[in-house]
Amino acid sequence: EMVTAIDGSMIDVIGLQGKGLARALQEDGPFDLVLIMAGTNDMACGSGQDCLLLNLYRLHSVCHGRGVPTVALAPPAAPGSGMER
């Protein structure tokens, strides 16, 4: 979803509207750093690893193309996934 709406607007899972990443970088910057925690919806929908990685790559590339460094954050473990702390 974040990649599809990268240049425009998107509505999240609870109905709130926000800017896509490229639009936010252009309209609300400058930014020193972008933290990206994404991919949970791709995993939940059963997207393959290649698709998930390509989408993450695209999000980071949008930032890097504008000279903004990024940090990739791993999403928290899902309840019942066997990955609890």
N, C-alpha and C. Protein backbone atom coordinates (compact mmCIF):
# COMPACT_ATOMS: atom_id res chain seq x y z
N GLU A 1 0.81 -1.19 0.00
CA GLU A 1 0.00 0.00 0.00
C GLU A 1 0.86 1.26 0.00
N MET A 2 1.92 1.25 0.80
CA MET A 2 2.78 2.43 0.88
C MET A 2 3.48 2.69 -0.45
N VAL A 3 3.82 1.64 -1.16
CA VAL A 3 4.49 1.81 -2.45
C VAL A 3 3.48 2.29 -3.49
N THR A 4 2.29 1.75 -3.48
CA THR A 4 1.26 2.14 -4.43
C THR A 4 0.90 3.62 -4.29
N ALA A 5 0.87 4.11 -3.07
CA ALA A 5 0.48 5.50 -2.80
C ALA A 5 1.68 6.41 -2.57
N ILE A 6 2.84 6.02 -3.04
CA ILE A 6 4.08 6.73 -2.71
C ILE A 6 4.07 8.20 -3.11
N ASP A 7 3.40 8.54 -4.22
CA ASP A 7 3.38 9.92 -4.70
C ASP A 7 2.10 10.67 -4.35
N GLY A 8 1.15 10.00 -3.74
CA GLY A 8 -0.14 10.64 -3.48
C GLY A 8 -0.55 10.57 -2.04
N SER A 9 -1.75 10.04 -1.82
CA SER A 9 -2.31 9.91 -0.48
C SER A 9 -2.72 8.47 -0.27
N MET A 10 -2.85 8.10 1.01
CA MET A 10 -3.31 6.75 1.32
C MET A 10 -4.20 6.80 2.55
N ILE A 11 -5.00 5.77 2.72
CA ILE A 11 -5.86 5.63 3.89
C ILE A 11 -5.40 4.39 4.62
N ASP A 12 -5.15 4.53 5.93
CA ASP A 12 -4.64 3.39 6.70
C ASP A 12 -5.77 2.46 7.13
N VAL A 13 -5.41 1.44 7.89
CA VAL A 13 -6.37 0.39 8.25
C VAL A 13 -7.50 0.87 9.15
N ILE A 14 -7.34 2.02 9.80
CA ILE A 14 -8.43 2.54 10.64
C ILE A 14 -9.12 3.75 10.01
N GLY A 15 -8.81 4.00 8.73
CA GLY A 15 -9.52 5.03 7.99
C GLY A 15 -8.91 6.42 8.00
N LEU A 16 -7.72 6.56 8.57
CA LEU A 16 -7.07 7.87 8.57
C LEU A 16 -6.31 8.08 7.27
N GLN A 17 -6.39 9.29 6.72
CA GLN A 17 -5.71 9.61 5.46
C GLN A 17 -4.39 10.30 5.73
N GLY A 18 -3.39 9.94 4.95
CA GLY A 18 -2.08 10.57 5.08
C GLY A 18 -1.40 10.66 3.73
N LYS A 19 -0.27 11.33 3.71
CA LYS A 19 0.50 11.51 2.49
C LYS A 19 1.36 10.28 2.21
N GLY A 20 1.58 10.02 0.93
CA GLY A 20 2.54 9.00 0.55
C GLY A 20 3.95 9.49 0.88
N LEU A 21 4.90 8.58 0.92
CA LEU A 21 6.26 8.91 1.35
C LEU A 21 6.90 9.99 0.48
N ALA A 22 6.87 9.85 -0.83
CA ALA A 22 7.50 10.85 -1.71
C ALA A 22 6.85 12.21 -1.54
N ARG A 23 5.54 12.21 -1.42
CA ARG A 23 4.82 13.48 -1.25
C ARG A 23 5.19 14.13 0.09
N ALA A 24 5.27 13.33 1.15
CA ALA A 24 5.64 13.88 2.46
C ALA A 24 7.06 14.43 2.44
N LEU A 25 7.97 13.72 1.78
CA LEU A 25 9.35 14.21 1.69
C LEU A 25 9.42 15.54 0.95
N GLN A 26 8.63 15.66 -0.11
CA GLN A 26 8.65 16.88 -0.92
C GLN A 26 7.96 18.04 -0.21
N GLU A 27 6.82 17.79 0.40
CA GLU A 27 6.02 18.88 0.95
C GLU A 27 6.38 19.25 2.39
N ASP A 28 6.89 18.30 3.15
CA ASP A 28 7.08 18.53 4.58
C ASP A 28 8.53 18.57 5.02
N GLY A 29 9.47 18.36 4.10
CA GLY A 29 10.89 18.32 4.43
C GLY A 29 11.45 19.69 4.70
N PRO A 30 12.73 19.80 4.90
CA PRO A 30 13.72 18.73 4.72
C PRO A 30 13.78 17.81 5.95
N PHE A 31 14.25 16.59 5.72
CA PHE A 31 14.40 15.60 6.77
C PHE A 31 15.86 15.17 6.86
N ASP A 32 16.31 14.89 8.07
CA ASP A 32 17.66 14.40 8.30
C ASP A 32 17.75 12.89 8.17
N LEU A 33 16.64 12.21 8.44
CA LEU A 33 16.63 10.75 8.49
C LEU A 33 15.19 10.26 8.39
N VAL A 34 15.00 9.12 7.75
CA VAL A 34 13.69 8.48 7.70
C VAL A 34 13.83 7.07 8.28
N LEU A 35 12.96 6.76 9.24
CA LEU A 35 12.89 5.42 9.81
C LEU A 35 11.77 4.68 9.10
N ILE A 36 12.07 3.51 8.57
CA ILE A 36 11.07 2.75 7.82
C ILE A 36 10.83 1.41 8.50
N MET A 37 9.60 1.23 8.99
CA MET A 37 9.16 -0.06 9.50
C MET A 37 7.96 -0.44 8.64
N ALA A 38 8.18 -1.32 7.72
CA ALA A 38 7.14 -1.67 6.77
C ALA A 38 7.24 -3.15 6.44
N GLY A 39 6.24 -3.65 5.75
CA GLY A 39 6.24 -5.03 5.31
C GLY A 39 5.28 -5.93 6.06
N THR A 40 4.72 -5.43 7.17
CA THR A 40 3.83 -6.29 7.95
C THR A 40 2.57 -6.66 7.17
N ASN A 41 2.01 -5.72 6.43
CA ASN A 41 0.82 -6.04 5.63
C ASN A 41 1.16 -7.01 4.51
N ASP A 42 2.33 -6.84 3.91
CA ASP A 42 2.76 -7.78 2.86
C ASP A 42 2.86 -9.19 3.43
N MET A 43 3.44 -9.31 4.62
CA MET A 43 3.58 -10.63 5.25
C MET A 43 2.21 -11.21 5.60
N ALA A 44 1.33 -10.37 6.14
CA ALA A 44 0.00 -10.84 6.54
C ALA A 44 -0.83 -11.29 5.35
N CYS A 45 -0.60 -10.65 4.20
CA CYS A 45 -1.37 -11.00 2.99
C CYS A 45 -0.74 -12.14 2.21
N GLY A 46 0.37 -12.64 2.70
CA GLY A 46 1.01 -13.78 2.04
C GLY A 46 1.86 -13.42 0.85
N SER A 47 2.27 -12.16 0.73
CA SER A 47 3.16 -11.77 -0.37
C SER A 47 4.47 -12.52 -0.23
N GLY A 48 5.05 -12.84 -1.35
CA GLY A 48 6.32 -13.55 -1.34
C GLY A 48 7.46 -12.66 -0.88
N GLN A 49 8.54 -13.31 -0.52
CA GLN A 49 9.72 -12.60 -0.03
C GLN A 49 10.26 -11.62 -1.06
N ASP A 50 10.29 -12.01 -2.33
CA ASP A 50 10.81 -11.12 -3.37
C ASP A 50 9.98 -9.85 -3.49
N CYS A 51 8.66 -9.99 -3.43
CA CYS A 51 7.75 -8.83 -3.51
C CYS A 51 7.96 -7.92 -2.31
N LEU A 52 8.03 -8.51 -1.13
CA LEU A 52 8.23 -7.74 0.10
C LEU A 52 9.54 -6.96 0.04
N LEU A 53 10.62 -7.62 -0.35
CA LEU A 53 11.91 -6.95 -0.42
C LEU A 53 11.93 -5.85 -1.47
N LEU A 54 11.28 -6.08 -2.61
CA LEU A 54 11.21 -5.06 -3.65
C LEU A 54 10.46 -3.83 -3.14
N ASN A 55 9.36 -4.03 -2.43
CA ASN A 55 8.61 -2.89 -1.89
C ASN A 55 9.44 -2.12 -0.87
N LEU A 56 10.15 -2.82 0.00
CA LEU A 56 11.02 -2.14 0.96
C LEU A 56 12.12 -1.37 0.25
N TYR A 57 12.69 -1.98 -0.78
CA TYR A 57 13.73 -1.33 -1.58
C TYR A 57 13.19 -0.03 -2.18
N ARG A 58 11.98 -0.07 -2.70
CA ARG A 58 11.39 1.12 -3.33
C ARG A 58 11.22 2.25 -2.31
N LEU A 59 10.77 1.92 -1.11
CA LEU A 59 10.59 2.95 -0.08
C LEU A 59 11.93 3.59 0.28
N HIS A 60 12.95 2.78 0.47
CA HIS A 60 14.27 3.32 0.79
C HIS A 60 14.83 4.13 -0.38
N SER A 61 14.61 3.65 -1.60
CA SER A 61 15.12 4.35 -2.79
C SER A 61 14.53 5.74 -2.96
N VAL A 62 13.25 5.89 -2.63
CA VAL A 62 12.62 7.21 -2.72
C VAL A 62 13.34 8.20 -1.81
N CYS A 63 13.68 7.75 -0.62
CA CYS A 63 14.39 8.62 0.33
C CYS A 63 15.81 8.90 -0.15
N HIS A 64 16.52 7.85 -0.53
CA HIS A 64 17.91 8.01 -0.97
C HIS A 64 18.00 8.90 -2.20
N GLY A 65 17.01 8.81 -3.09
CA GLY A 65 16.98 9.65 -4.28
C GLY A 65 16.85 11.12 -3.96
N ARG A 66 16.38 11.43 -2.76
CA ARG A 66 16.25 12.82 -2.31
C ARG A 66 17.33 13.19 -1.30
N GLY A 67 18.32 12.32 -1.19
CA GLY A 67 19.45 12.59 -0.31
C GLY A 67 19.17 12.38 1.17
N VAL A 68 18.12 11.64 1.48
CA VAL A 68 17.76 11.40 2.88
C VAL A 68 18.15 9.97 3.26
N PRO A 69 19.01 9.81 4.27
CA PRO A 69 19.38 8.45 4.69
C PRO A 69 18.21 7.77 5.39
N THR A 70 18.24 6.44 5.42
CA THR A 70 17.16 5.67 6.02
C THR A 70 17.73 4.64 7.01
N VAL A 71 16.86 4.22 7.91
CA VAL A 71 17.15 3.11 8.82
C VAL A 71 15.97 2.16 8.69
N ALA A 72 16.26 0.88 8.49
CA ALA A 72 15.21 -0.14 8.42
C ALA A 72 14.97 -0.71 9.81
N LEU A 73 13.72 -0.67 10.25
CA LEU A 73 13.34 -1.23 11.54
C LEU A 73 12.53 -2.50 11.31
N ALA A 74 12.85 -3.54 12.06
CA ALA A 74 12.08 -4.77 11.98
C ALA A 74 10.76 -4.58 12.71
N PRO A 75 9.67 -5.07 12.14
CA PRO A 75 8.39 -4.98 12.85
C PRO A 75 8.41 -5.87 14.08
N PRO A 76 7.60 -5.53 15.07
CA PRO A 76 7.54 -6.37 16.26
C PRO A 76 6.96 -7.74 15.93
N ALA A 77 7.29 -8.72 16.74
CA ALA A 77 6.75 -10.06 16.53
C ALA A 77 5.24 -10.05 16.71
N ALA A 78 4.55 -10.80 15.87
CA ALA A 78 3.10 -10.90 15.96
C ALA A 78 2.72 -11.83 17.11
N PRO A 79 1.68 -11.50 17.84
CA PRO A 79 1.23 -12.41 18.90
C PRO A 79 0.93 -13.79 18.34
N GLY A 80 1.36 -14.81 19.04
CA GLY A 80 1.11 -16.18 18.60
C GLY A 80 2.04 -16.67 17.52
N SER A 81 3.06 -15.87 17.18
CA SER A 81 3.97 -16.27 16.11
C SER A 81 5.11 -17.14 16.61
N GLY A 82 5.19 -17.32 17.93
CA GLY A 82 6.30 -18.07 18.49
C GLY A 82 7.54 -17.23 18.65
N MET A 83 7.44 -15.93 18.43
CA MET A 83 8.58 -15.03 18.49
C MET A 83 8.49 -14.07 19.68
N GLU A 84 7.66 -14.40 20.67
CA GLU A 84 7.51 -13.51 21.81
C GLU A 84 8.82 -13.37 22.56
N ARG A 85 8.96 -12.26 23.23
CA ARG A 85 10.18 -11.99 24.00
C ARG A 85 10.19 -12.74 25.29
